[in-house]
């Protein structure tokens, strides 16, 4: 019985790792930590093993919270608006994997081969369904300001059309909680050196947003770091539901108007 439990735990750990990889690829979360992913897979496998000891009607009370928490543990800082979608996707993929495995069980009697094949198909599924030229929903942003460095999980927002009227550069909006890790923000709202105010329109009306120009800015898209020219804006309403909102124009590699003028001047 002990051997069967260990084999079941190893099998569930491998399946959980493939499941988390599929969820991350589908959400565009290309930045991953192997150690964190492995530890989360082991914890998820332990939850599955513990669920087998519970009555059938009580298992969802353990499995469903684990499906919600696992992507957050594997990718800390994932935007809140994506957490329920990732949890739902993980649940659907788990049901799909279970159904396909039971369907193919009579054809492939070897359980190890069957589980390995199903896990590989599960991992490759996001790559097969990905559309060419589609903008990823999430990306990793690396911001440097002086000696400080900040890495954030950002949401690609097609509705973020902010551009600075002075420089013509797009504006990446980050939460004040994230910005406090980049620089010590005064509690009274005083602007730091290098900051200025920009008028923006939000749901509640027109307000002022503090913006600054970072020393360097990179965005990780499809496993490739891309250096970008953009400004950083601090969320004026104090909302912390996201770490960063990246304009879709940066992902499409649209050239800001100022850069075009500069290139014509050098020519």
Protein backbone atom coordinates (compact mmCIF):
# COMPACT_ATOMS: atom_id res chain seq x y z
CA UNK A 1 0.00 0.00 0.00
CA UNK A 2 2.87 2.34 0.80
CA UNK A 3 4.45 1.70 -2.60
CA UNK A 4 1.15 2.37 -4.36
CA UNK A 5 0.78 5.66 -2.48
CA UNK A 6 4.29 6.78 -3.47
CA UNK A 7 3.70 5.85 -7.11
CA UNK A 8 0.41 7.71 -7.06
CA UNK A 9 2.12 10.77 -5.55
CA UNK A 10 4.87 10.76 -8.19
CA UNK A 11 2.32 10.34 -10.97
CA UNK A 12 0.15 13.19 -9.67
CA UNK A 13 3.20 15.45 -9.28
CA UNK A 14 4.11 14.98 -12.96
CA UNK A 15 0.53 15.56 -14.05
CA UNK A 16 0.26 18.67 -11.84
CA UNK A 17 3.46 20.08 -13.36
CA UNK A 18 2.15 19.55 -16.89
CA UNK A 19 -1.19 21.07 -15.88
CA UNK A 20 0.43 24.19 -14.42
CA UNK A 21 2.64 24.58 -17.49
CA UNK A 22 -0.44 24.44 -19.71
CA UNK A 23 -2.26 27.03 -17.61
CA UNK A 24 0.77 29.32 -17.68
CA UNK A 25 1.23 29.00 -21.42
CA UNK A 26 -2.46 29.66 -22.04
CA UNK A 27 -2.31 32.80 -19.87
CA UNK A 28 0.93 34.01 -21.48
CA UNK A 29 2.97 33.62 -18.27
CA UNK A 30 6.29 32.69 -19.84
CA UNK A 31 8.42 33.55 -16.81
CA UNK A 32 8.57 30.59 -14.45
CA UNK A 33 10.67 29.29 -11.56
CA UNK A 34 11.45 25.54 -11.81
CA UNK A 35 11.81 25.22 -8.04
CA UNK A 36 8.52 27.00 -7.34
CA UNK A 37 6.75 25.02 -10.07
CA UNK A 38 8.04 21.72 -8.68
CA UNK A 39 7.10 22.58 -5.09
CA UNK A 40 3.61 23.67 -6.16
CA UNK A 41 3.18 20.44 -8.13
CA UNK A 42 4.14 18.37 -5.09
CA UNK A 43 1.68 20.27 -2.88
CA UNK A 44 -1.07 19.81 -5.47
CA UNK A 45 -0.29 16.09 -5.66
CA UNK A 46 -0.52 15.84 -1.86
CA UNK A 47 -3.96 17.48 -2.01
CA UNK A 48 -5.07 14.93 -4.60
CA UNK A 49 -3.75 12.09 -2.44
CA UNK A 50 -5.54 13.48 0.62
CA UNK A 51 -8.76 13.84 -1.38
CA UNK A 52 -8.77 10.10 -2.05
CA UNK A 53 -9.17 9.52 1.68
CA UNK A 54 -12.30 11.68 1.87
CA UNK A 55 -15.89 10.79 0.89
CA UNK A 56 -16.82 11.56 -2.70
CA UNK A 57 -19.10 14.46 -1.75
CA UNK A 58 -16.35 16.11 0.32
CA UNK A 59 -13.53 15.92 -2.23
CA UNK A 60 -14.47 19.13 -4.14
CA UNK A 61 -14.08 21.09 -0.88
CA UNK A 62 -10.35 20.25 -0.99
CA UNK A 63 -9.68 20.03 -4.71
CA UNK A 64 -11.39 23.27 -5.85
CA UNK A 65 -9.51 25.61 -3.43
CA UNK A 66 -6.28 23.84 -4.41
CA UNK A 67 -7.03 24.48 -8.10
CA UNK A 68 -7.47 28.19 -7.32
CA UNK A 69 -4.37 28.55 -5.13
CA UNK A 70 -1.94 26.48 -7.24
CA UNK A 71 -1.52 29.00 -10.14
CA UNK A 72 -1.03 31.81 -7.61
CA UNK A 73 1.73 29.84 -5.88
CA UNK A 74 3.36 28.94 -9.19
CA UNK A 75 3.17 32.51 -10.55
CA UNK A 76 3.08 34.98 -7.63
CA UNK A 77 1.70 38.38 -8.51
CA UNK A 78 -0.68 37.15 -11.21
CA UNK A 79 -3.45 39.77 -11.75
CA UNK A 80 -6.58 39.08 -9.72
CA UNK A 81 -8.81 39.25 -12.77
CA UNK A 82 -6.98 36.23 -14.21
CA UNK A 83 -7.02 34.04 -11.11
CA UNK A 84 -10.58 32.73 -11.49
CA UNK A 85 -10.03 32.16 -15.21
CA UNK A 86 -6.84 30.22 -14.55
CA UNK A 87 -8.58 28.18 -11.83
CA UNK A 88 -11.49 27.42 -14.18
CA UNK A 89 -9.06 26.49 -16.96
CA UNK A 90 -7.17 24.19 -14.61
CA UNK A 91 -10.39 22.46 -13.56
CA UNK A 92 -11.53 22.00 -17.16
CA UNK A 93 -8.13 20.67 -18.24
CA UNK A 94 -8.15 18.24 -15.29
CA UNK A 95 -11.56 16.92 -16.31
CA UNK A 96 -10.44 16.68 -19.93
CA UNK A 97 -7.30 14.78 -18.94
CA UNK A 98 -9.32 12.39 -16.77
CA UNK A 99 -11.87 11.75 -19.52
CA UNK A 100 -9.27 11.18 -22.24
CA UNK A 101 -7.28 8.87 -19.96
CA UNK A 102 -10.33 6.71 -19.22
CA UNK A 103 -11.25 6.65 -22.90
CA UNK A 104 -7.80 5.45 -23.97
CA UNK A 105 -7.30 3.06 -21.03
CA UNK A 106 -8.64 -0.02 -22.92
CA UNK A 107 -6.32 0.75 -25.87
CA UNK A 108 -3.19 1.45 -23.78
CA UNK A 109 -3.16 -0.94 -20.81
CA UNK A 110 0.19 0.32 -19.52
CA UNK A 111 -0.72 3.01 -16.98
CA UNK A 112 2.70 4.71 -17.08
CA UNK A 113 2.66 5.06 -20.87
CA UNK A 114 -0.94 6.24 -20.83
CA UNK A 115 -0.30 8.91 -18.18
CA UNK A 116 2.88 10.11 -19.89
CA UNK A 117 1.14 10.39 -23.26
CA UNK A 118 -1.82 12.27 -21.79
CA UNK A 119 0.49 14.66 -19.92
CA UNK A 120 2.49 15.43 -23.08
CA UNK A 121 -0.70 16.15 -25.01
CA UNK A 122 -1.87 18.40 -22.19
CA UNK A 123 1.41 20.35 -22.20
CA UNK A 124 1.42 20.77 -25.98
CA UNK A 125 -2.22 21.83 -26.24
CA UNK A 126 -1.68 25.61 -25.67
CA UNK A 127 0.99 25.69 -28.39
CA UNK A 128 -1.29 23.93 -30.88
CA UNK A 129 -4.22 26.25 -30.20
CA UNK A 130 -2.24 29.50 -30.15
CA UNK A 131 -3.16 31.87 -32.94
CA UNK A 132 -0.49 33.48 -35.06
CA UNK A 133 0.00 37.13 -34.22
CA UNK A 134 -2.26 37.04 -31.17
CA UNK A 135 -1.22 39.40 -28.41
CA UNK A 136 -0.46 37.50 -25.18
CA UNK A 137 -2.63 38.39 -22.23
CA UNK A 138 0.27 38.61 -19.79
CA UNK A 139 3.92 39.53 -19.96
CA UNK A 140 6.84 40.10 -17.61
CA UNK A 141 8.09 43.68 -17.20
CA UNK A 142 11.55 44.52 -15.89
CA UNK A 143 11.94 48.13 -14.71
CA UNK A 144 15.17 49.80 -13.59
CA UNK A 145 15.26 53.14 -11.81
CA UNK A 146 18.67 54.15 -10.53
CA UNK A 147 20.00 51.27 -8.46
CA UNK A 148 16.53 49.77 -7.96
CA UNK A 149 15.05 47.01 -10.08
CA UNK A 150 11.48 45.74 -10.19
CA UNK A 151 10.05 42.73 -12.04
CA UNK A 152 6.28 42.56 -12.46
CA UNK A 153 3.67 40.32 -14.02
CA UNK A 154 1.80 42.66 -16.37
CA UNK A 155 -1.55 42.46 -18.09
CA UNK A 156 -1.62 43.36 -21.79
CA UNK A 157 -4.39 45.94 -21.99
CA UNK A 158 -5.71 46.97 -25.39
CA UNK A 159 -7.72 49.67 -23.61
CA UNK A 160 -4.60 51.37 -22.27
CA UNK A 161 -4.17 54.11 -24.87
CA UNK A 162 -2.28 56.51 -22.62
CA UNK A 163 0.48 58.51 -24.27
CA UNK A 164 2.50 61.34 -22.84
CA UNK A 165 1.76 64.53 -24.75
CA UNK A 166 5.32 65.79 -24.18
CA UNK A 167 7.38 62.79 -25.32
CA UNK A 168 4.75 60.85 -27.28
CA UNK A 169 5.69 57.67 -25.40
CA UNK A 170 3.10 55.13 -24.18
CA UNK A 171 2.54 54.83 -20.44
CA UNK A 172 2.72 51.60 -18.45
CA UNK A 173 0.46 51.91 -15.41
CA UNK A 174 1.63 50.18 -12.23
CA UNK A 175 0.03 50.01 -8.80
CA UNK A 176 1.38 52.18 -6.00
CA UNK A 177 2.11 49.08 -3.96
CA UNK A 178 4.40 47.83 -6.73
CA UNK A 179 5.93 51.29 -7.20
CA UNK A 180 6.82 51.45 -3.51
CA UNK A 181 9.27 48.60 -4.13
CA UNK A 182 10.94 50.66 -6.84
CA UNK A 183 11.19 53.96 -4.93
CA UNK A 184 10.18 55.34 -1.52
CA UNK A 185 6.95 57.21 -2.26
CA UNK A 186 6.04 60.05 0.16
CA UNK A 187 2.78 59.37 1.99
CA UNK A 188 1.53 62.92 1.40
CA UNK A 189 1.62 62.45 -2.39
CA UNK A 190 4.65 64.69 -2.96
CA UNK A 191 6.36 64.06 -6.28
CA UNK A 192 9.86 62.64 -6.28
CA UNK A 193 12.61 64.18 -8.45
CA UNK A 194 12.02 63.20 -12.08
CA UNK A 195 8.25 62.82 -11.61
CA UNK A 196 5.56 65.02 -13.09
CA UNK A 197 1.79 64.99 -13.35
CA UNK A 198 -0.24 63.94 -16.37
CA UNK A 199 -3.97 64.41 -16.87
CA UNK A 200 -5.81 61.11 -17.43
CA UNK A 201 -9.43 60.06 -17.72
CA UNK A 202 -10.68 57.22 -15.52
CA UNK A 203 -14.08 55.72 -14.76
CA UNK A 204 -14.60 58.23 -11.96
CA UNK A 205 -13.61 61.20 -14.16
CA UNK A 206 -10.53 63.22 -15.01
CA UNK A 207 -7.62 63.13 -12.56
CA UNK A 208 -3.86 63.59 -12.38
CA UNK A 209 -1.43 60.69 -12.52
CA UNK A 210 2.22 60.84 -11.53
CA UNK A 211 4.54 59.62 -14.29
CA UNK A 212 8.29 59.10 -14.52
CA UNK A 213 10.82 57.84 -17.04
CA UNK A 214 12.70 54.69 -15.96
CA UNK A 215 16.37 54.16 -16.53
CA UNK A 216 15.60 51.08 -18.63
CA UNK A 217 12.56 49.00 -19.47
CA UNK A 218 12.30 45.47 -20.84
CA UNK A 219 9.31 43.24 -21.60
CA UNK A 220 9.50 39.44 -21.82
CA UNK A 221 7.34 38.21 -24.70
CA UNK A 222 7.38 34.55 -25.82
CA UNK A 223 10.61 33.94 -23.94
CA UNK A 224 12.45 36.90 -25.55
CA UNK A 225 13.37 40.10 -23.71
CA UNK A 226 12.50 43.23 -25.69
CA UNK A 227 13.81 46.69 -24.78
CA UNK A 228 11.03 49.28 -24.97
CA UNK A 229 10.68 53.03 -24.67
CA UNK A 230 7.83 53.94 -22.34
CA UNK A 231 6.97 55.94 -19.25
CA UNK A 232 5.78 54.56 -15.92
CA UNK A 233 2.54 55.89 -14.43
CA UNK A 234 1.35 55.36 -10.86
CA UNK A 235 -2.27 54.27 -10.58
CA UNK A 236 -4.14 57.37 -9.36
CA UNK A 237 -7.08 55.53 -7.78
CA UNK A 238 -4.99 53.28 -5.54
CA UNK A 239 -6.37 50.10 -7.09
CA UNK A 240 -4.07 47.10 -6.53
CA UNK A 241 -5.89 44.48 -8.60
CA UNK A 242 -2.97 44.38 -11.02
CA UNK A 243 0.77 44.87 -10.86
CA UNK A 244 1.07 46.57 -14.25
CA UNK A 245 -0.97 47.39 -17.33
CA UNK A 246 1.05 47.37 -20.54
CA UNK A 247 -0.33 49.10 -23.65
CA UNK A 248 -0.94 46.69 -26.49
CA UNK A 249 0.97 49.08 -28.77
CA UNK A 250 4.24 48.04 -27.09
CA UNK A 251 3.56 44.38 -27.87
CA UNK A 252 2.69 45.20 -31.47
CA UNK A 253 5.97 47.11 -31.72
CA UNK A 254 4.25 50.28 -32.84
CA UNK A 255 6.77 53.10 -33.16
CA UNK A 256 5.91 56.19 -31.11
CA UNK A 257 5.49 59.42 -33.06
CA UNK A 258 8.45 61.01 -31.33
CA UNK A 259 10.79 58.20 -32.44
CA UNK A 260 9.61 58.59 -36.02
CA UNK A 261 10.33 62.31 -35.94
CA UNK A 262 13.72 61.64 -34.36
CA UNK A 263 14.64 59.13 -37.07
CA UNK A 264 13.64 61.58 -39.80
CA UNK A 265 15.76 64.28 -38.14
CA UNK A 266 18.84 62.01 -38.06
CA UNK A 267 18.27 61.09 -41.68
